[in-house]
Amino acid sequence: MYTNPMQPHGPQGHQGHQGHQGPHVVYQADPNWQNMMKHKRDAIMHALHPHIGRKIRVTTIDGHTHEGVLINADGHHVYINMDPQYGHHQGHHRPIYTPAQYNQIITLVLFELLVILLLA
């Protein structure tokens, strides 16, 4: 179920199968964190958009590295056309199959990016 946070909604409680009333909050982000993340997202988008069509190297917070051409960036993802010249993906050498397999666009989550380098 999706609830639009901009739309008010009715009562939260309903009788569950085990007698529990209402939803149980598993996680709720701190409002300060939410504002900071929105600010960082806007800063990353502002930095990336002038470089669409150029070659970049991205390192994620998990240490994976991707190189390719920046195709697009929206408020949530970065899209990179993988570069066949380097023949690696996430720090590992990829086997050579066909050129079509290297012409892939990968999607990375914007908030998992640690470093973005402009290569050309």
N, C-alpha and C. Protein backbone atom coordinates (compact mmCIF):
# COMPACT_ATOMS: atom_id res chain seq x y z
N MET A 1 0.84 -1.17 0.00
CA MET A 1 0.00 0.00 0.00
C MET A 1 0.88 1.24 0.00
N TYR A 2 0.52 2.21 -0.81
CA TYR A 2 1.24 3.48 -0.87
C TYR A 2 0.33 4.57 -0.32
N THR A 3 0.87 5.38 0.55
CA THR A 3 0.15 6.53 1.07
C THR A 3 0.91 7.78 0.67
N ASN A 4 0.24 8.67 -0.01
CA ASN A 4 0.84 9.93 -0.40
C ASN A 4 1.00 10.80 0.83
N PRO A 5 2.24 11.17 1.19
CA PRO A 5 2.44 11.96 2.41
C PRO A 5 1.84 13.36 2.32
N MET A 6 1.50 13.80 1.12
CA MET A 6 0.92 15.13 0.95
C MET A 6 -0.59 15.13 1.16
N GLN A 7 -1.21 13.96 1.16
CA GLN A 7 -2.66 13.84 1.32
C GLN A 7 -3.00 13.39 2.73
N PRO A 8 -3.93 14.07 3.40
CA PRO A 8 -4.33 13.58 4.72
C PRO A 8 -5.04 12.23 4.57
N HIS A 9 -4.91 11.39 5.55
CA HIS A 9 -5.56 10.10 5.49
C HIS A 9 -6.32 9.85 6.79
N GLY A 10 -7.19 8.89 6.74
CA GLY A 10 -8.10 8.61 7.84
C GLY A 10 -7.41 7.97 9.02
N PRO A 11 -8.19 7.39 9.92
CA PRO A 11 -7.64 6.80 11.14
C PRO A 11 -6.63 5.71 10.84
N GLN A 12 -5.61 5.63 11.66
CA GLN A 12 -4.53 4.68 11.45
C GLN A 12 -4.85 3.29 11.97
N GLY A 13 -5.71 3.18 12.92
CA GLY A 13 -5.92 1.90 13.59
C GLY A 13 -6.90 0.99 12.87
N HIS A 14 -6.63 -0.29 12.96
CA HIS A 14 -7.57 -1.32 12.53
C HIS A 14 -7.23 -2.59 13.30
N GLN A 15 -8.21 -3.43 13.48
CA GLN A 15 -8.00 -4.65 14.24
C GLN A 15 -7.23 -5.66 13.41
N GLY A 16 -6.07 -6.08 13.88
CA GLY A 16 -5.25 -7.06 13.17
C GLY A 16 -5.66 -8.47 13.51
N HIS A 17 -4.98 -9.42 12.89
CA HIS A 17 -5.28 -10.83 13.11
C HIS A 17 -4.94 -11.28 14.52
N GLN A 18 -3.94 -10.65 15.14
CA GLN A 18 -3.51 -11.09 16.46
C GLN A 18 -3.94 -10.13 17.56
N GLY A 19 -4.92 -9.27 17.26
CA GLY A 19 -5.42 -8.38 18.27
C GLY A 19 -4.63 -7.09 18.43
N HIS A 20 -3.68 -6.81 17.56
CA HIS A 20 -2.91 -5.57 17.63
C HIS A 20 -3.73 -4.44 17.04
N GLN A 21 -3.65 -3.28 17.65
CA GLN A 21 -4.37 -2.13 17.15
C GLN A 21 -3.41 -1.20 16.43
N GLY A 22 -3.73 -0.84 15.21
CA GLY A 22 -2.96 0.14 14.46
C GLY A 22 -1.63 -0.38 13.97
N PRO A 23 -0.97 0.42 13.15
CA PRO A 23 0.34 0.03 12.61
C PRO A 23 1.43 0.17 13.67
N HIS A 24 2.45 -0.62 13.52
CA HIS A 24 3.61 -0.56 14.41
C HIS A 24 4.75 0.09 13.64
N VAL A 25 5.29 1.20 14.13
CA VAL A 25 6.38 1.90 13.45
C VAL A 25 7.65 1.09 13.63
N VAL A 26 8.23 0.66 12.51
CA VAL A 26 9.49 -0.08 12.53
C VAL A 26 10.66 0.90 12.46
N TYR A 27 10.52 1.95 11.66
CA TYR A 27 11.57 2.95 11.52
C TYR A 27 10.93 4.26 11.11
N GLN A 28 11.42 5.36 11.66
CA GLN A 28 10.98 6.68 11.25
C GLN A 28 12.19 7.60 11.25
N ALA A 29 12.43 8.23 10.12
CA ALA A 29 13.59 9.12 9.99
C ALA A 29 13.42 10.37 10.83
N ASP A 30 14.51 10.83 11.36
CA ASP A 30 14.55 12.08 12.10
C ASP A 30 14.26 13.23 11.12
N PRO A 31 13.38 14.17 11.46
CA PRO A 31 13.06 15.28 10.55
C PRO A 31 14.30 16.08 10.14
N ASN A 32 15.28 16.24 11.02
CA ASN A 32 16.51 16.95 10.65
C ASN A 32 17.27 16.20 9.57
N TRP A 33 17.29 14.88 9.67
CA TRP A 33 17.96 14.04 8.68
C TRP A 33 17.27 14.20 7.33
N GLN A 34 15.95 14.23 7.33
CA GLN A 34 15.19 14.36 6.09
C GLN A 34 15.54 15.67 5.38
N ASN A 35 15.57 16.77 6.12
CA ASN A 35 15.92 18.06 5.51
C ASN A 35 17.34 18.06 4.97
N MET A 36 18.27 17.46 5.72
CA MET A 36 19.65 17.40 5.27
C MET A 36 19.76 16.57 3.99
N MET A 37 19.07 15.43 3.91
CA MET A 37 19.13 14.57 2.73
C MET A 37 18.54 15.28 1.51
N LYS A 38 17.47 16.02 1.69
CA LYS A 38 16.90 16.78 0.57
C LYS A 38 17.91 17.81 0.07
N HIS A 39 18.58 18.48 1.00
CA HIS A 39 19.58 19.47 0.63
C HIS A 39 20.74 18.80 -0.14
N LYS A 40 21.22 17.65 0.36
CA LYS A 40 22.32 16.94 -0.31
C LYS A 40 21.89 16.45 -1.68
N ARG A 41 20.67 15.92 -1.80
CA ARG A 41 20.16 15.46 -3.09
C ARG A 41 20.17 16.60 -4.11
N ASP A 42 19.68 17.77 -3.70
CA ASP A 42 19.67 18.92 -4.59
C ASP A 42 21.08 19.33 -4.99
N ALA A 43 22.01 19.28 -4.05
CA ALA A 43 23.40 19.65 -4.34
C ALA A 43 24.03 18.68 -5.34
N ILE A 44 23.78 17.38 -5.17
CA ILE A 44 24.33 16.39 -6.11
C ILE A 44 23.72 16.59 -7.49
N MET A 45 22.42 16.80 -7.56
CA MET A 45 21.77 17.01 -8.85
C MET A 45 22.33 18.25 -9.54
N HIS A 46 22.50 19.33 -8.79
CA HIS A 46 23.05 20.56 -9.36
C HIS A 46 24.47 20.33 -9.90
N ALA A 47 25.25 19.51 -9.20
CA ALA A 47 26.62 19.22 -9.62
C ALA A 47 26.67 18.30 -10.84
N LEU A 48 25.74 17.36 -10.95
CA LEU A 48 25.77 16.37 -12.03
C LEU A 48 25.21 16.87 -13.36
N HIS A 49 24.12 17.61 -13.33
CA HIS A 49 23.42 17.95 -14.57
C HIS A 49 24.29 18.62 -15.63
N PRO A 50 25.21 19.50 -15.32
CA PRO A 50 26.05 20.08 -16.38
C PRO A 50 26.96 19.07 -17.07
N HIS A 51 27.11 17.88 -16.48
CA HIS A 51 28.06 16.90 -17.01
C HIS A 51 27.40 15.71 -17.68
N ILE A 52 26.08 15.80 -17.93
CA ILE A 52 25.40 14.73 -18.65
C ILE A 52 26.04 14.61 -20.03
N GLY A 53 26.34 13.37 -20.42
CA GLY A 53 27.00 13.10 -21.69
C GLY A 53 28.51 12.99 -21.57
N ARG A 54 29.04 13.23 -20.38
CA ARG A 54 30.49 13.15 -20.18
C ARG A 54 30.84 11.89 -19.39
N LYS A 55 32.09 11.50 -19.49
CA LYS A 55 32.58 10.29 -18.85
C LYS A 55 32.86 10.55 -17.37
N ILE A 56 32.37 9.64 -16.50
CA ILE A 56 32.58 9.79 -15.06
C ILE A 56 33.00 8.46 -14.45
N ARG A 57 33.55 8.55 -13.26
CA ARG A 57 33.82 7.38 -12.41
C ARG A 57 33.09 7.63 -11.10
N VAL A 58 32.31 6.65 -10.67
CA VAL A 58 31.52 6.76 -9.45
C VAL A 58 31.97 5.68 -8.48
N THR A 59 32.17 6.05 -7.24
CA THR A 59 32.44 5.09 -6.17
C THR A 59 31.28 5.17 -5.19
N THR A 60 30.72 4.01 -4.84
CA THR A 60 29.60 3.96 -3.92
C THR A 60 30.09 3.84 -2.48
N ILE A 61 29.19 3.99 -1.54
CA ILE A 61 29.55 3.89 -0.13
C ILE A 61 30.00 2.48 0.23
N ASP A 62 29.66 1.50 -0.61
CA ASP A 62 30.09 0.11 -0.39
C ASP A 62 31.42 -0.20 -1.06
N GLY A 63 32.04 0.79 -1.72
CA GLY A 63 33.35 0.61 -2.33
C GLY A 63 33.32 0.11 -3.76
N HIS A 64 32.15 0.01 -4.39
CA HIS A 64 32.07 -0.41 -5.79
C HIS A 64 32.38 0.78 -6.69
N THR A 65 33.09 0.53 -7.77
CA THR A 65 33.46 1.58 -8.71
C THR A 65 32.85 1.28 -10.07
N HIS A 66 32.31 2.32 -10.70
CA HIS A 66 31.69 2.20 -12.02
C HIS A 66 32.22 3.34 -12.88
N GLU A 67 32.56 3.03 -14.14
CA GLU A 67 32.99 4.06 -15.08
C GLU A 67 32.10 3.99 -16.31
N GLY A 68 31.79 5.15 -16.83
CA GLY A 68 30.98 5.21 -18.03
C GLY A 68 30.52 6.63 -18.29
N VAL A 69 29.59 6.75 -19.20
CA VAL A 69 29.07 8.05 -19.59
C VAL A 69 27.80 8.34 -18.79
N LEU A 70 27.76 9.49 -18.17
CA LEU A 70 26.59 9.92 -17.42
C LEU A 70 25.46 10.18 -18.40
N ILE A 71 24.40 9.38 -18.32
CA ILE A 71 23.27 9.50 -19.23
C ILE A 71 22.21 10.43 -18.66
N ASN A 72 21.92 10.28 -17.37
CA ASN A 72 20.89 11.11 -16.75
C ASN A 72 21.03 11.01 -15.23
N ALA A 73 20.40 11.93 -14.57
CA ALA A 73 20.30 11.91 -13.11
C ALA A 73 18.97 12.53 -12.76
N ASP A 74 18.20 11.83 -11.94
CA ASP A 74 16.94 12.39 -11.47
C ASP A 74 17.05 12.55 -9.95
N GLY A 75 15.98 12.78 -9.28
CA GLY A 75 16.04 13.02 -7.85
C GLY A 75 16.41 11.82 -7.01
N HIS A 76 16.50 10.64 -7.64
CA HIS A 76 16.74 9.43 -6.88
C HIS A 76 17.87 8.55 -7.43
N HIS A 77 18.14 8.64 -8.72
CA HIS A 77 19.08 7.73 -9.37
C HIS A 77 20.02 8.45 -10.31
N VAL A 78 21.15 7.80 -10.55
CA VAL A 78 22.11 8.23 -11.56
C VAL A 78 22.19 7.11 -12.58
N TYR A 79 22.15 7.45 -13.86
CA TYR A 79 22.17 6.46 -14.94
C TYR A 79 23.48 6.59 -15.70
N ILE A 80 24.22 5.49 -15.79
CA ILE A 80 25.53 5.49 -16.42
C ILE A 80 25.56 4.43 -17.52
N ASN A 81 26.00 4.84 -18.71
CA ASN A 81 26.22 3.90 -19.80
C ASN A 81 27.63 3.35 -19.60
N MET A 82 27.72 2.05 -19.32
CA MET A 82 29.00 1.42 -18.99
C MET A 82 29.99 1.55 -20.14
N ASP A 83 31.23 1.79 -19.80
CA ASP A 83 32.29 2.02 -20.78
C ASP A 83 32.99 0.70 -21.13
N PRO A 84 32.85 0.20 -22.36
CA PRO A 84 33.48 -1.07 -22.73
C PRO A 84 35.00 -1.01 -22.77
N GLN A 85 35.57 0.16 -22.90
CA GLN A 85 37.03 0.29 -22.99
C GLN A 85 37.71 -0.25 -21.73
N TYR A 86 37.07 -0.07 -20.59
CA TYR A 86 37.70 -0.47 -19.35
C TYR A 86 37.37 -1.90 -18.96
N GLY A 87 36.23 -2.41 -19.44
CA GLY A 87 35.90 -3.82 -19.24
C GLY A 87 35.79 -4.25 -17.80
N HIS A 88 35.42 -3.35 -16.90
CA HIS A 88 35.19 -3.78 -15.52
C HIS A 88 33.92 -3.15 -14.99
N HIS A 89 33.41 -3.82 -14.00
CA HIS A 89 32.15 -3.42 -13.39
C HIS A 89 32.25 -3.77 -11.92
N GLN A 90 32.03 -2.79 -11.08
CA GLN A 90 32.10 -2.95 -9.64
C GLN A 90 33.47 -3.47 -9.19
N GLY A 91 34.51 -3.04 -9.86
CA GLY A 91 35.85 -3.39 -9.43
C GLY A 91 36.32 -4.77 -9.87
N HIS A 92 35.51 -5.49 -10.62
CA HIS A 92 35.89 -6.82 -11.08
C HIS A 92 35.94 -6.84 -12.60
N HIS A 93 36.87 -7.58 -13.17
CA HIS A 93 36.93 -7.70 -14.62
C HIS A 93 35.76 -8.52 -15.10
N ARG A 94 35.14 -8.04 -16.18
CA ARG A 94 34.00 -8.74 -16.76
C ARG A 94 34.49 -9.59 -17.93
N PRO A 95 33.92 -10.76 -18.12
CA PRO A 95 34.29 -11.56 -19.28
C PRO A 95 33.84 -10.88 -20.56
N ILE A 96 34.58 -11.12 -21.63
CA ILE A 96 34.25 -10.52 -22.92
C ILE A 96 33.24 -11.41 -23.64
N TYR A 97 32.08 -10.87 -23.97
CA TYR A 97 31.07 -11.60 -24.72
C TYR A 97 30.78 -10.86 -26.01
N THR A 98 29.85 -9.95 -25.99
CA THR A 98 29.51 -9.19 -27.19
C THR A 98 29.50 -7.71 -26.86
N PRO A 99 29.71 -6.85 -27.86
CA PRO A 99 29.65 -5.41 -27.60
C PRO A 99 28.31 -4.97 -27.02
N ALA A 100 27.23 -5.65 -27.39
CA ALA A 100 25.91 -5.26 -26.89
C ALA A 100 25.84 -5.39 -25.37
N GLN A 101 26.54 -6.34 -24.80
CA GLN A 101 26.50 -6.51 -23.35
C GLN A 101 27.21 -5.37 -22.64
N TYR A 102 28.16 -4.74 -23.30
CA TYR A 102 28.86 -3.62 -22.68
C TYR A 102 28.08 -2.32 -22.84
N ASN A 103 27.14 -2.29 -23.76
CA ASN A 103 26.34 -1.10 -23.97
C ASN A 103 25.15 -1.12 -23.02
N GLN A 104 25.43 -1.22 -21.74
CA GLN A 104 24.41 -1.29 -20.71
C GLN A 104 24.33 0.02 -19.96
N ILE A 105 23.13 0.35 -19.56
CA ILE A 105 22.94 1.50 -18.69
C ILE A 105 22.63 0.96 -17.31
N ILE A 106 23.47 1.32 -16.35
CA ILE A 106 23.22 0.88 -14.98
C ILE A 106 22.59 2.03 -14.20
N THR A 107 21.84 1.67 -13.20
CA THR A 107 21.17 2.65 -12.35
C THR A 107 21.77 2.55 -10.95
N LEU A 108 22.23 3.67 -10.44
CA LEU A 108 22.78 3.72 -9.09
C LEU A 108 21.92 4.64 -8.24
N VAL A 109 21.75 4.27 -6.98
CA VAL A 109 20.96 5.08 -6.06
C VAL A 109 21.77 6.31 -5.68
N LEU A 110 21.18 7.45 -5.85
CA LEU A 110 21.87 8.72 -5.63
C LEU A 110 22.50 8.82 -4.25
N PHE A 111 21.82 8.35 -3.21
CA PHE A 111 22.32 8.51 -1.85
C PHE A 111 23.39 7.50 -1.48
N GLU A 112 23.70 6.57 -2.39
CA GLU A 112 24.77 5.61 -2.11
C GLU A 112 26.09 6.03 -2.76
N LEU A 113 26.11 7.18 -3.41
CA LEU A 113 27.32 7.63 -4.08
C LEU A 113 28.22 8.36 -3.11
N LEU A 114 29.47 7.97 -3.10
CA LEU A 114 30.44 8.57 -2.20
C LEU A 114 31.31 9.57 -2.95
N VAL A 115 31.80 9.16 -4.13
CA VAL A 115 32.67 10.02 -4.93
C VAL A 115 32.22 9.95 -6.39
N ILE A 116 32.19 11.11 -7.05
CA ILE A 116 31.89 11.18 -8.47
C ILE A 116 33.03 11.98 -9.11
N LEU A 117 33.76 11.35 -10.01
CA LEU A 117 34.89 12.00 -10.68
C LEU A 117 34.56 12.23 -12.14
N LEU A 118 34.86 13.40 -12.64
CA LEU A 118 34.72 13.69 -14.06
C LEU A 118 36.01 13.25 -14.74
N LEU A 119 35.91 12.35 -15.73
CA LEU A 119 37.10 11.80 -16.36
C LEU A 119 37.45 12.46 -17.68
N ALA A 120 36.48 12.96 -18.40
CA ALA A 120 36.78 13.58 -19.70
C ALA A 120 35.88 14.75 -19.93
